[in-house]
Amino acid sequence: MDIGRVGIWTFQLDLQPAAQAQKAAAEIEALGYGAIWVPEALGREAFTNSAILLAGTTRITVATGIANIWGRDAMAMASAQLTLAEAYPDRFLLGIGVSHAPLVAGLRGHNYDKPLTYLRTYLDAMDAAPFMAAGPAERPPRVIGALHPKSLALARERAAGAHPYFVPPEHTARARKILGPGKLLAPEQAAVLETDPTTARAVARAHMATYLGLPNYARNLLSLGFTDADLADGGSDRLVDAIVAWGDERAIAARVRAHHDAGADHVCVQVLDPDPRALPMAQWRRLATVLLG
């Protein structure tokens, strides 16, 4: 599976009718991006969504960032992965993770207790799950949405690599040390194509507001040297600038390069538009000229 050095992370395809999402995915593919990463939170179900996008493209990898382990049992997760891997050889990358307590306990009604322990047991059950159907020629890879050292170590032991989200290049360097060589490291990087600092940071803060309230992300940022003051009131300029790259195309490319220099194999860029529901196709086109050249 070749996902290239740069991909697109987006939830905006969820907001389009399926036919329009397929059309947009086909253009992302034509631009030369290596993968389309899609979430699973309040929008489309991860495997159904992936099937829609795979059916509308011919080459690009579709990856889940991430499929929520609380959204289906381990046998269903394994069978869905094998089904798509057989139908679209080397084009579906399963990213899985524990999500967050408000989404798991609050919305889904599950007990979010010892999520890392639950994930270990879940991986065991996935590996042992029967599958009495036509499958892929080889067992397909999976990556884990990992932030903290223990979850990164689990990704090293039980997966092809890790997909950290909401992280600066400093985290990428830490993650590479824990993963070691030979494991896929594919961090997400948010970006605003805007050169005015006030405007760019306003867009960034609107994006960051939800994530700063989630304990998993907050703990990770504190471990990187940020303070409670940095996380308060929408985030300090220092934190905003570390998490969201902003500026012209060259500035965004420099941040992507910083992740690569820190040990990333692939960086999935999430473009932020002032209208969070807008499909940022124009920005994807602009960035392709510098990120994929």
C-alpha atoms as a PDB file:
ATOM      1  CA  MET A   1       0.000   0.000   0.000  1.00  0.00           C
ATOM      2  CA  ASP A   2       1.444   3.341  -1.089  1.00  0.00           C
ATOM      3  CA  ILE A   3      -0.208   6.349   0.534  1.00  0.00           C
ATOM      4  CA  GLY A   4       2.463   8.812  -0.556  1.00  0.00           C
ATOM      5  CA  ARG A   5       3.965  11.570   1.551  1.00  0.00           C
ATOM      6  CA  VAL A   6       0.916  13.837   1.788  1.00  0.00           C
ATOM      7  CA  GLY A   7      -2.815  13.200   2.073  1.00  0.00           C
ATOM      8  CA  ILE A   8      -6.005  15.074   2.857  1.00  0.00           C
ATOM      9  CA  TRP A   9      -7.864  14.760   6.176  1.00  0.00           C
ATOM     10  CA  THR A  10     -11.455  15.979   5.860  1.00  0.00           C
ATOM     11  CA  PHE A  11     -14.903  15.738   7.379  1.00  0.00           C
ATOM     12  CA  GLN A  12     -16.390  18.047   4.757  1.00  0.00           C
ATOM     13  CA  LEU A  13     -17.015  15.155   2.368  1.00  0.00           C
ATOM     14  CA  ASP A  14     -19.551  13.913   4.927  1.00  0.00           C
ATOM     15  CA  LEU A  15     -21.512  17.106   4.366  1.00  0.00           C
ATOM     16  CA  GLN A  16     -21.887  16.494   0.638  1.00  0.00           C
ATOM     17  CA  PRO A  17     -24.413  14.165  -1.006  1.00  0.00           C
ATOM     18  CA  ALA A  18     -22.680  10.892  -1.816  1.00  0.00           C
ATOM     19  CA  ALA A  19     -22.359  11.628  -5.541  1.00  0.00           C
ATOM     20  CA  GLN A  20     -20.760  15.015  -4.821  1.00  0.00           C
ATOM     21  CA  ALA A  21     -18.428  13.468  -2.252  1.00  0.00           C
ATOM     22  CA  GLN A  22     -17.298  10.947  -4.873  1.00  0.00           C
ATOM     23  CA  LYS A  23     -16.701  13.734  -7.391  1.00  0.00           C
ATOM     24  CA  ALA A  24     -14.608  15.681  -4.891  1.00  0.00           C
ATOM     25  CA  ALA A  25     -12.650  12.544  -3.939  1.00  0.00           C
ATOM     26  CA  ALA A  26     -11.899  11.917  -7.611  1.00  0.00           C
ATOM     27  CA  GLU A  27     -10.470  15.426  -7.924  1.00  0.00           C
ATOM     28  CA  ILE A  28      -8.352  14.975  -4.787  1.00  0.00           C
ATOM     29  CA  GLU A  29      -7.028  11.814  -6.443  1.00  0.00           C
ATOM     30  CA  ALA A  30      -6.363  13.635  -9.731  1.00  0.00           C
ATOM     31  CA  LEU A  31      -4.420  16.332  -7.886  1.00  0.00           C
ATOM     32  CA  GLY A  32      -2.001  13.640  -6.728  1.00  0.00           C
ATOM     33  CA  TYR A  33      -2.677  13.326  -3.008  1.00  0.00           C
ATOM     34  CA  GLY A  34      -1.869   9.878  -1.675  1.00  0.00           C
ATOM     35  CA  ALA A  35      -4.781   9.311   0.706  1.00  0.00           C
ATOM     36  CA  ILE A  36      -8.094  10.664   1.890  1.00  0.00           C
ATOM     37  CA  TRP A  37      -8.568  10.380   5.657  1.00  0.00           C
ATOM     38  CA  VAL A  38     -12.127  10.456   6.996  1.00  0.00           C
ATOM     39  CA  PRO A  39     -13.317  10.583  10.620  1.00  0.00           C
ATOM     40  CA  GLU A  40     -16.077   8.824  12.471  1.00  0.00           C
ATOM     41  CA  ALA A  41     -17.850  10.995  15.010  1.00  0.00           C
ATOM     42  CA  LEU A  42     -21.183  12.605  14.202  1.00  0.00           C
ATOM     43  CA  GLY A  43     -21.282  11.992  10.464  1.00  0.00           C
ATOM     44  CA  ARG A  44     -21.252   8.975   8.192  1.00  0.00           C
ATOM     45  CA  GLU A  45     -20.385   5.509   9.445  1.00  0.00           C
ATOM     46  CA  ALA A  46     -16.723   4.887   8.704  1.00  0.00           C
ATOM     47  CA  PHE A  47     -16.862   1.783   6.504  1.00  0.00           C
ATOM     48  CA  THR A  48     -19.927   2.848   4.540  1.00  0.00           C
ATOM     49  CA  ASN A  49     -18.298   6.209   3.925  1.00  0.00           C
ATOM     50  CA  SER A  50     -15.039   4.584   2.850  1.00  0.00           C
ATOM     51  CA  ALA A  51     -16.889   2.333   0.410  1.00  0.00           C
ATOM     52  CA  ILE A  52     -18.600   5.353  -1.162  1.00  0.00           C
ATOM     53  CA  LEU A  53     -15.272   7.126  -1.690  1.00  0.00           C
ATOM     54  CA  LEU A  54     -13.446   4.029  -2.904  1.00  0.00           C
ATOM     55  CA  ALA A  55     -16.177   3.386  -5.444  1.00  0.00           C
ATOM     56  CA  GLY A  56     -15.795   6.917  -6.804  1.00  0.00           C
ATOM     57  CA  THR A  57     -12.006   6.721  -7.273  1.00  0.00           C
ATOM     58  CA  THR A  58      -9.526   4.382  -8.927  1.00  0.00           C
ATOM     59  CA  ARG A  59      -6.147   4.746  -7.217  1.00  0.00           C
ATOM     60  CA  ILE A  60      -6.146   6.775  -4.025  1.00  0.00           C
ATOM     61  CA  THR A  61      -6.155   5.149  -0.595  1.00  0.00           C
ATOM     62  CA  VAL A  62      -9.064   5.845   1.720  1.00  0.00           C
ATOM     63  CA  ALA A  63      -8.154   5.735   5.412  1.00  0.00           C
ATOM     64  CA  THR A  64     -10.245   6.010   8.546  1.00  0.00           C
ATOM     65  CA  GLY A  65      -9.034   8.548  11.049  1.00  0.00           C
ATOM     66  CA  ILE A  66     -10.359   6.923  13.118  1.00  0.00           C
ATOM     67  CA  ALA A  67     -12.975   4.160  13.169  1.00  0.00           C
ATOM     68  CA  ASN A  68     -14.344   4.150  16.704  1.00  0.00           C
ATOM     69  CA  ILE A  69     -13.860   0.798  18.447  1.00  0.00           C
ATOM     70  CA  TRP A  70     -16.986   1.475  20.513  1.00  0.00           C
ATOM     71  CA  GLY A  71     -19.041   1.799  17.327  1.00  0.00           C
ATOM     72  CA  ARG A  72     -18.969  -1.922  16.489  1.00  0.00           C
ATOM     73  CA  ASP A  73     -17.677  -5.125  18.048  1.00  0.00           C
ATOM     74  CA  ALA A  74     -14.286  -6.496  17.090  1.00  0.00           C
ATOM     75  CA  MET A  75     -15.659  -9.177  14.781  1.00  0.00           C
ATOM     76  CA  ALA A  76     -17.645  -6.596  12.819  1.00  0.00           C
ATOM     77  CA  MET A  77     -14.581  -4.314  12.611  1.00  0.00           C
ATOM     78  CA  ALA A  78     -12.392  -7.142  11.310  1.00  0.00           C
ATOM     79  CA  SER A  79     -14.926  -8.345   8.760  1.00  0.00           C
ATOM     80  CA  ALA A  80     -15.554  -4.836   7.460  1.00  0.00           C
ATOM     81  CA  GLN A  81     -11.823  -4.249   7.031  1.00  0.00           C
ATOM     82  CA  LEU A  82     -11.349  -7.539   5.188  1.00  0.00           C
ATOM     83  CA  THR A  83     -14.356  -6.880   2.971  1.00  0.00           C
ATOM     84  CA  LEU A  84     -13.055  -3.509   1.770  1.00  0.00           C
ATOM     85  CA  ALA A  85      -9.464  -4.770   1.506  1.00  0.00           C
ATOM     86  CA  GLU A  86     -10.593  -7.565  -0.804  1.00  0.00           C
ATOM     87  CA  ALA A  87     -12.849  -5.334  -2.906  1.00  0.00           C
ATOM     88  CA  TYR A  88     -10.231  -2.562  -3.244  1.00  0.00           C
ATOM     89  CA  PRO A  89      -6.775  -4.173  -2.975  1.00  0.00           C
ATOM     90  CA  ASP A  90      -4.153  -2.008  -1.251  1.00  0.00           C
ATOM     91  CA  ARG A  91      -6.513   0.987  -1.155  1.00  0.00           C
ATOM     92  CA  PHE A  92      -8.184   0.818   2.259  1.00  0.00           C
ATOM     93  CA  LEU A  93      -6.259   1.647   5.429  1.00  0.00           C
ATOM     94  CA  LEU A  94      -8.016   1.014   8.710  1.00  0.00           C
ATOM     95  CA  GLY A  95      -7.236   3.498  11.439  1.00  0.00           C
ATOM     96  CA  ILE A  96      -8.856   2.622  14.754  1.00  0.00           C
ATOM     97  CA  GLY A  97      -8.910   4.216  18.156  1.00  0.00           C
ATOM     98  CA  VAL A  98     -10.622   4.704  21.492  1.00  0.00           C
ATOM     99  CA  SER A  99     -12.176   8.110  20.698  1.00  0.00           C
ATOM    100  CA  HIS A 100     -13.140  10.256  23.714  1.00  0.00           C
ATOM    101  CA  ALA A 101     -15.330   9.918  26.778  1.00  0.00           C
ATOM    102  CA  PRO A 102     -17.945  12.515  25.742  1.00  0.00           C
ATOM    103  CA  LEU A 103     -18.486  10.727  22.427  1.00  0.00           C
ATOM    104  CA  VAL A 104     -18.355   7.215  23.837  1.00  0.00           C
ATOM    105  CA  ALA A 105     -20.105   7.515  27.198  1.00  0.00           C
ATOM    106  CA  GLY A 106     -22.109  10.635  26.491  1.00  0.00           C
ATOM    107  CA  LEU A 107     -23.430   9.876  23.001  1.00  0.00           C
ATOM    108  CA  ARG A 108     -23.088   6.118  22.596  1.00  0.00           C
ATOM    109  CA  GLY A 109     -23.806   5.086  26.169  1.00  0.00           C
ATOM    110  CA  HIS A 110     -20.750   2.873  26.664  1.00  0.00           C
ATOM    111  CA  ASN A 111     -18.533   2.632  29.731  1.00  0.00           C
ATOM    112  CA  TYR A 112     -15.344   4.539  28.899  1.00  0.00           C
ATOM    113  CA  ASP A 113     -13.264   2.791  31.555  1.00  0.00           C
ATOM    114  CA  LYS A 114      -9.627   1.868  30.951  1.00  0.00           C
ATOM    115  CA  PRO A 115      -9.808   2.529  27.197  1.00  0.00           C
ATOM    116  CA  LEU A 116      -6.261   1.340  26.465  1.00  0.00           C
ATOM    117  CA  THR A 117      -6.917  -1.984  28.194  1.00  0.00           C
ATOM    118  CA  TYR A 118     -10.147  -2.306  26.243  1.00  0.00           C
ATOM    119  CA  LEU A 119      -8.268  -1.587  23.003  1.00  0.00           C
ATOM    120  CA  ARG A 120      -5.750  -4.358  23.723  1.00  0.00           C
ATOM    121  CA  THR A 121      -8.571  -6.843  24.272  1.00  0.00           C
ATOM    122  CA  TYR A 122     -10.327  -5.544  21.172  1.00  0.00           C
ATOM    123  CA  LEU A 123      -7.235  -6.118  19.011  1.00  0.00           C
ATOM    124  CA  ASP A 124      -6.990  -9.666  20.321  1.00  0.00           C
ATOM    125  CA  ALA A 125     -10.605 -10.273  19.367  1.00  0.00           C
ATOM    126  CA  MET A 126     -10.081  -8.760  15.906  1.00  0.00           C
ATOM    127  CA  ASP A 127      -7.134 -11.039  15.255  1.00  0.00           C
ATOM    128  CA  ALA A 128      -9.075 -14.100  16.387  1.00  0.00           C
ATOM    129  CA  ALA A 129     -12.321 -13.270  14.582  1.00  0.00           C
ATOM    130  CA  PRO A 130     -13.548 -15.827  12.021  1.00  0.00           C
ATOM    131  CA  PHE A 131     -14.223 -14.619   8.474  1.00  0.00           C
ATOM    132  CA  MET A 132     -15.954 -17.119   6.214  1.00  0.00           C
ATOM    133  CA  ALA A 133     -15.978 -15.009   3.048  1.00  0.00           C
ATOM    134  CA  ALA A 134     -13.702 -14.101   0.171  1.00  0.00           C
ATOM    135  CA  GLY A 135     -10.844 -12.168   1.671  1.00  0.00           C
ATOM    136  CA  PRO A 136      -7.767 -10.261   0.530  1.00  0.00           C
ATOM    137  CA  ALA A 137      -4.609 -12.071  -0.524  1.00  0.00           C
ATOM    138  CA  GLU A 138      -2.779 -10.756   2.549  1.00  0.00           C
ATOM    139  CA  ARG A 139      -3.890  -9.477   5.941  1.00  0.00           C
ATOM    140  CA  PRO A 140      -4.420  -5.731   5.487  1.00  0.00           C
ATOM    141  CA  PRO A 141      -2.627  -3.187   7.680  1.00  0.00           C
ATOM    142  CA  ARG A 142      -4.123  -1.143  10.476  1.00  0.00           C
ATOM    143  CA  VAL A 143      -2.916   1.917  12.318  1.00  0.00           C
ATOM    144  CA  ILE A 144      -3.899   3.176  15.753  1.00  0.00           C
ATOM    145  CA  GLY A 145      -4.940   6.705  16.600  1.00  0.00           C
ATOM    146  CA  ALA A 146      -2.278   7.180  19.267  1.00  0.00           C
ATOM    147  CA  LEU A 147      -1.056  10.176  21.246  1.00  0.00           C
ATOM    148  CA  HIS A 148       0.451   9.034  24.532  1.00  0.00           C
ATOM    149  CA  PRO A 149       3.507   6.817  25.052  1.00  0.00           C
ATOM    150  CA  LYS A 150       1.549   3.704  26.053  1.00  0.00           C
ATOM    151  CA  SER A 151      -0.791   3.916  23.075  1.00  0.00           C
ATOM    152  CA  LEU A 152       2.137   4.591  20.741  1.00  0.00           C
ATOM    153  CA  ALA A 153       3.886   1.528  22.159  1.00  0.00           C
ATOM    154  CA  LEU A 154       0.734  -0.484  21.479  1.00  0.00           C
ATOM    155  CA  ALA A 155       0.751   0.800  17.894  1.00  0.00           C
ATOM    156  CA  ARG A 156       4.339  -0.386  17.588  1.00  0.00           C
ATOM    157  CA  GLU A 157       3.462  -3.820  18.925  1.00  0.00           C
ATOM    158  CA  ARG A 158       0.087  -4.496  17.360  1.00  0.00           C
ATOM    159  CA  ALA A 159      -0.287  -2.325  14.248  1.00  0.00           C
ATOM    160  CA  ALA A 160       1.471  -1.056  11.156  1.00  0.00           C
ATOM    161  CA  GLY A 161       1.898   2.312  12.814  1.00  0.00           C
ATOM    162  CA  ALA A 162       0.149   5.334  14.293  1.00  0.00           C
ATOM    163  CA  HIS A 163      -2.088   8.206  13.245  1.00  0.00           C
ATOM    164  CA  PRO A 164      -1.689  11.045  15.779  1.00  0.00           C
ATOM    165  CA  TYR A 165      -4.157  13.932  15.554  1.00  0.00           C
ATOM    166  CA  PHE A 166      -3.967  17.532  16.809  1.00  0.00           C
ATOM    167  CA  VAL A 167      -0.213  17.449  17.264  1.00  0.00           C
ATOM    168  CA  PRO A 168       2.799  19.658  16.447  1.00  0.00           C
ATOM    169  CA  PRO A 169       6.036  18.356  14.886  1.00  0.00           C
ATOM    170  CA  GLU A 170       7.521  17.999  18.376  1.00  0.00           C
ATOM    171  CA  HIS A 171       5.042  15.223  19.023  1.00  0.00           C
ATOM    172  CA  THR A 172       5.950  13.604  15.715  1.00  0.00           C
ATOM    173  CA  ALA A 173       9.581  13.405  16.851  1.00  0.00           C
ATOM    174  CA  ARG A 174       8.499  11.810  20.136  1.00  0.00           C
ATOM    175  CA  ALA A 175       6.201   9.374  18.350  1.00  0.00           C
ATOM    176  CA  ARG A 176       8.960   8.294  15.964  1.00  0.00           C
ATOM    177  CA  LYS A 177      11.276   7.495  18.876  1.00  0.00           C
ATOM    178  CA  ILE A 178       8.615   5.310  20.474  1.00  0.00           C
ATOM    179  CA  LEU A 179       7.502   3.616  17.261  1.00  0.00           C
ATOM    180  CA  GLY A 180      11.018   2.994  16.077  1.00  0.00           C
ATOM    181  CA  PRO A 181      11.963   2.508  12.423  1.00  0.00           C
ATOM    182  CA  GLY A 182       9.791   0.697   9.941  1.00  0.00           C
ATOM    183  CA  LYS A 183       6.429   1.728  11.374  1.00  0.00           C
ATOM    184  CA  LEU A 184       4.094   4.098   9.555  1.00  0.00           C
ATOM    185  CA  LEU A 185       3.739   7.480  11.224  1.00  0.00           C
ATOM    186  CA  ALA A 186       0.957   9.608   9.725  1.00  0.00           C
ATOM    187  CA  PRO A 187       0.139  12.717  11.785  1.00  0.00           C
ATOM    188  CA  GLU A 188      -2.676  15.118  10.953  1.00  0.00           C
ATOM    189  CA  GLN A 189      -1.838  18.790  10.408  1.00  0.00           C
ATOM    190  CA  ALA A 190      -4.509  21.502  10.383  1.00  0.00           C
ATOM    191  CA  ALA A 191      -3.882  24.475   8.098  1.00  0.00           C
ATOM    192  CA  VAL A 192      -5.384  27.857   7.244  1.00  0.00           C
ATOM    193  CA  LEU A 193      -4.455  29.507   3.957  1.00  0.00           C
ATOM    194  CA  GLU A 194      -4.565  33.032   5.357  1.00  0.00           C
ATOM    195  CA  THR A 195      -1.703  35.478   5.884  1.00  0.00           C
ATOM    196  CA  ASP A 196      -3.436  37.869   8.275  1.00  0.00           C
ATOM    197  CA  PRO A 197      -2.594  36.682  11.812  1.00  0.00           C
ATOM    198  CA  THR A 198      -5.828  37.844  13.438  1.00  0.00           C
ATOM    199  CA  THR A 199      -8.046  36.249  10.799  1.00  0.00           C
ATOM    200  CA  ALA A 200      -6.026  33.037  10.636  1.00  0.00           C
ATOM    201  CA  ARG A 201      -5.967  32.560  14.397  1.00  0.00           C
ATOM    202  CA  ALA A 202      -9.703  33.196  14.639  1.00  0.00           C
ATOM    203  CA  VAL A 203     -10.349  30.372  12.175  1.00  0.00           C
ATOM    204  CA  ALA A 204      -7.869  28.175  14.044  1.00  0.00           C
ATOM    205  CA  ARG A 205      -9.459  28.834  17.439  1.00  0.00           C
ATOM    206  CA  ALA A 206     -12.918  28.007  16.129  1.00  0.00           C
ATOM    207  CA  HIS A 207     -11.523  24.648  14.999  1.00  0.00           C
ATOM    208  CA  MET A 208      -9.586  24.004  18.203  1.00  0.00           C
ATOM    209  CA  ALA A 209     -12.395  24.800  20.641  1.00  0.00           C
ATOM    210  CA  THR A 210     -13.849  21.287  20.763  1.00  0.00           C
ATOM    211  CA  TYR A 211     -10.496  19.532  20.978  1.00  0.00           C
ATOM    212  CA  LEU A 212      -9.171  21.657  23.828  1.00  0.00           C
ATOM    213  CA  GLY A 213     -12.094  20.427  25.895  1.00  0.00           C
ATOM    214  CA  LEU A 214     -11.234  16.757  25.400  1.00  0.00           C
ATOM    215  CA  PRO A 215      -8.963  15.351  28.146  1.00  0.00           C
ATOM    216  CA  ASN A 216      -6.916  13.096  25.837  1.00  0.00           C
ATOM    217  CA  TYR A 217      -5.766  16.061  23.752  1.00  0.00           C
ATOM    218  CA  ALA A 218      -5.304  18.374  26.720  1.00  0.00           C
ATOM    219  CA  ARG A 219      -3.066  15.880  28.539  1.00  0.00           C
ATOM    220  CA  ASN A 220      -0.995  15.396  25.415  1.00  0.00           C
ATOM    221  CA  LEU A 221      -0.449  19.126  24.987  1.00  0.00           C
ATOM    222  CA  LEU A 222       0.543  19.535  28.631  1.00  0.00           C
ATOM    223  CA  SER A 223       3.056  16.724  28.219  1.00  0.00           C
ATOM    224  CA  LEU A 224       4.654  18.673  25.357  1.00  0.00           C
ATOM    225  CA  GLY A 225       5.356  21.678  27.584  1.00  0.00           C
ATOM    226  CA  PHE A 226       2.235  23.755  27.102  1.00  0.00           C
ATOM    227  CA  THR A 227       0.515  25.065  30.221  1.00  0.00           C
ATOM    228  CA  ASP A 228      -3.033  25.351  31.489  1.00  0.00           C
ATOM    229  CA  ALA A 229      -2.807  29.035  30.566  1.00  0.00           C
ATOM    230  CA  ASP A 230      -1.957  28.067  26.984  1.00  0.00           C
ATOM    231  CA  LEU A 231      -5.088  25.897  26.820  1.00  0.00           C
ATOM    232  CA  ALA A 232      -7.414  28.519  28.340  1.00  0.00           C
ATOM    233  CA  ASP A 233      -9.602  31.042  26.517  1.00  0.00           C
ATOM    234  CA  GLY A 234      -9.415  29.374  23.118  1.00  0.00           C
ATOM    235  CA  GLY A 235      -5.673  28.774  23.274  1.00  0.00           C
ATOM    236  CA  SER A 236      -2.695  31.098  23.463  1.00  0.00           C
ATOM    237  CA  ASP A 237      -1.117  32.368  20.259  1.00  0.00           C
ATOM    238  CA  ARG A 238       1.796  30.045  20.986  1.00  0.00           C
ATOM    239  CA  LEU A 239      -0.473  27.013  21.119  1.00  0.00           C
ATOM    240  CA  VAL A 240      -2.593  28.047  18.155  1.00  0.00           C
ATOM    241  CA  ASP A 241       0.475  28.563  16.005  1.00  0.00           C
ATOM    242  CA  ALA A 242       1.887  25.183  17.063  1.00  0.00           C
ATOM    243  CA  ILE A 243      -1.265  23.216  16.251  1.00  0.00           C
ATOM    244  CA  VAL A 244      -2.561  25.052  13.176  1.00  0.00           C
ATOM    245  CA  ALA A 245      -0.219  26.087  10.384  1.00  0.00           C
ATOM    246  CA  TRP A 246      -1.292  29.324   8.751  1.00  0.00           C
ATOM    247  CA  GLY A 247      -0.013  31.642   6.057  1.00  0.00           C
ATOM    248  CA  ASP A 248       0.564  31.185   2.356  1.00  0.00           C
ATOM    249  CA  GLU A 249       1.257  27.933   0.530  1.00  0.00           C
ATOM    250  CA  ARG A 250       4.945  28.057   1.420  1.00  0.00           C
ATOM    251  CA  ALA A 251       4.178  28.402   5.124  1.00  0.00           C
ATOM    252  CA  ILE A 252       1.918  25.357   5.055  1.00  0.00           C
ATOM    253  CA  ALA A 253       4.518  23.403   3.101  1.00  0.00           C
ATOM    254  CA  ALA A 254       7.163  24.333   5.687  1.00  0.00           C
ATOM    255  CA  ARG A 255       5.039  22.879   8.486  1.00  0.00           C
ATOM    256  CA  VAL A 256       4.414  19.670   6.543  1.00  0.00           C
ATOM    257  CA  ARG A 257       8.155  19.454   5.925  1.00  0.00           C
ATOM    258  CA  ALA A 258       8.784  19.912   9.664  1.00  0.00           C
ATOM    259  CA  HIS A 259       6.677  16.800  10.352  1.00  0.00           C
ATOM    260  CA  HIS A 260       8.579  14.863   7.703  1.00  0.00           C
ATOM    261  CA  ASP A 261      11.882  16.031   9.144  1.00  0.00           C
ATOM    262  CA  ALA A 262      10.710  14.903  12.596  1.00  0.00           C
ATOM    263  CA  GLY A 263      10.051  11.385  11.338  1.00  0.00           C
ATOM    264  CA  ALA A 264       6.630  11.346   9.681  1.00  0.00           C
ATOM    265  CA  ASP A 265       6.177   9.115   6.649  1.00  0.00           C
ATOM    266  CA  HIS A 266       2.913  10.744   5.615  1.00  0.00           C
ATOM    267  CA  VAL A 267       1.192  13.956   6.698  1.00  0.00           C
ATOM    268  CA  CYS A 268      -2.563  14.323   6.276  1.00  0.00           C
ATOM    269  CA  VAL A 269      -3.442  17.984   5.887  1.00  0.00           C
ATOM    270  CA  GLN A 270      -6.767  19.251   7.190  1.00  0.00           C
ATOM    271  CA  VAL A 271      -7.605  22.550   5.510  1.00  0.00           C
ATOM    272  CA  LEU A 272      -9.697  24.900   7.653  1.00  0.00           C
ATOM    273  CA  ASP A 273     -12.037  27.312   5.890  1.00  0.00           C
ATOM    274  CA  PRO A 274     -13.712  30.283   7.606  1.00  0.00           C
ATOM    275  CA  ASP A 275     -16.941  28.430   6.852  1.00  0.00           C
ATOM    276  CA  PRO A 276     -16.384  25.040   8.520  1.00  0.00           C
ATOM    277  CA  ARG A 277     -19.065  23.440   6.339  1.00  0.00           C
ATOM    278  CA  ALA A 278     -17.495  24.587   3.079  1.00  0.00           C
ATOM    279  CA  LEU A 279     -15.687  22.141   0.823  1.00  0.00           C
ATOM    280  CA  PRO A 280     -12.157  23.590   0.565  1.00  0.00           C
ATOM    281  CA  MET A 281     -11.477  22.374  -2.956  1.00  0.00           C
ATOM    282  CA  ALA A 282      -9.823  25.632  -4.006  1.00  0.00           C
ATOM    283  CA  GLN A 283      -7.384  25.398  -1.086  1.00  0.00           C
ATOM    284  CA  TRP A 284      -6.633  21.728  -1.853  1.00  0.00           C
ATOM    285  CA  ARG A 285      -5.779  22.746  -5.403  1.00  0.00           C
ATOM    286  CA  ARG A 286      -3.531  25.573  -4.234  1.00  0.00           C
ATOM    287  CA  LEU A 287      -1.671  23.377  -1.777  1.00  0.00           C
ATOM    288  CA  ALA A 288      -1.176  20.601  -4.313  1.00  0.00           C
ATOM    289  CA  THR A 289       1.146  22.855  -6.291  1.00  0.00           C
ATOM    290  CA  VAL A 290       3.604  23.071  -3.380  1.00  0.00           C
ATOM    291  CA  LEU A 291       2.980  19.893  -1.404  1.00  0.00           C
ATOM    292  CA  LEU A 292       3.038  17.456  -4.291  1.00  0.00           C
ATOM    293  CA  GLY A 293       5.535  19.043  -6.644  1.00  0.00           C
END
